[in-house]
Amino acid sequence: MGIWRGPDGIEVEAIMLNDLPCLRVTQRIGGQRMVLAYCMDVREVGRLVNLAELVET
């Protein structure tokens, strides 16, 4: 699956959750990665982060 990174430690990862595809949005805070949300589509991710700043890794 894909992983995209953005500023401020943001990471968006395409994963499977309960046999459904979703996008996990996390942020590195103080050396630890915290889950911000599990999103079902890109629009939901766009409400949390600026999609134009994400870079695929």
Protein backbone atom coordinates (compact mmCIF):
# COMPACT_ATOMS: atom_id res chain seq x y z
CA MET A 1 0.00 0.00 0.00
CA GLY A 2 1.07 3.63 -0.21
CA ILE A 3 2.54 6.05 2.31
CA TRP A 4 2.52 9.84 1.98
CA ARG A 5 4.36 12.26 4.27
CA GLY A 6 3.73 15.91 4.98
CA PRO A 7 5.07 18.69 7.17
CA ASP A 8 4.90 18.58 10.97
CA GLY A 9 5.36 14.80 11.09
CA ILE A 10 2.13 13.99 9.25
CA GLU A 11 1.93 10.57 7.63
CA VAL A 12 -0.97 9.12 5.62
CA GLU A 13 -0.89 5.37 5.02
CA ALA A 14 -3.24 3.23 2.94
CA ILE A 15 -4.11 0.18 5.07
CA MET A 16 -6.73 -2.54 5.48
CA LEU A 17 -8.87 -2.20 8.63
CA ASN A 18 -11.45 -4.92 9.34
CA ASP A 19 -11.08 -6.11 5.73
CA LEU A 20 -11.89 -2.60 4.41
CA PRO A 21 -9.41 -0.25 2.75
CA CYS A 22 -8.86 3.00 4.64
CA LEU A 23 -6.34 5.79 5.14
CA ARG A 24 -4.66 6.10 8.54
CA VAL A 25 -3.53 9.63 9.40
CA THR A 26 -0.83 9.90 12.04
CA GLN A 27 1.47 12.60 13.37
CA ARG A 28 4.83 12.34 15.11
CA ILE A 29 4.61 14.26 18.39
CA GLY A 30 7.48 14.25 20.86
CA GLY A 31 9.11 11.21 19.28
CA GLN A 32 5.91 9.13 19.27
CA ARG A 33 3.50 8.52 16.41
CA MET A 34 -0.10 9.37 17.35
CA VAL A 35 -3.14 8.26 15.32
CA LEU A 36 -5.25 11.27 14.32
CA ALA A 37 -7.91 9.46 12.29
CA TYR A 38 -8.92 6.51 10.16
CA CYS A 39 -10.47 7.93 6.99
CA MET A 40 -12.59 6.14 4.41
CA ASP A 41 -11.77 8.51 1.55
CA VAL A 42 -9.41 11.27 0.50
CA ARG A 43 -11.97 14.00 1.24
CA GLU A 44 -11.87 13.06 4.91
CA VAL A 45 -8.05 13.23 4.88
CA GLY A 46 -8.29 16.66 3.23
CA ARG A 47 -10.23 17.95 6.23
CA LEU A 48 -7.25 17.12 8.45
CA VAL A 49 -4.23 17.93 6.29
CA ASN A 50 -3.36 19.96 3.20
CA LEU A 51 -3.30 17.31 0.46
CA ALA A 52 -1.04 19.47 -1.73
CA GLU A 53 1.75 19.17 0.86
CA LEU A 54 1.79 15.36 0.90
CA VAL A 55 4.67 13.57 -0.84
CA GLU A 56 4.62 9.85 -1.64
CA THR A 57 7.47 7.87 -0.10
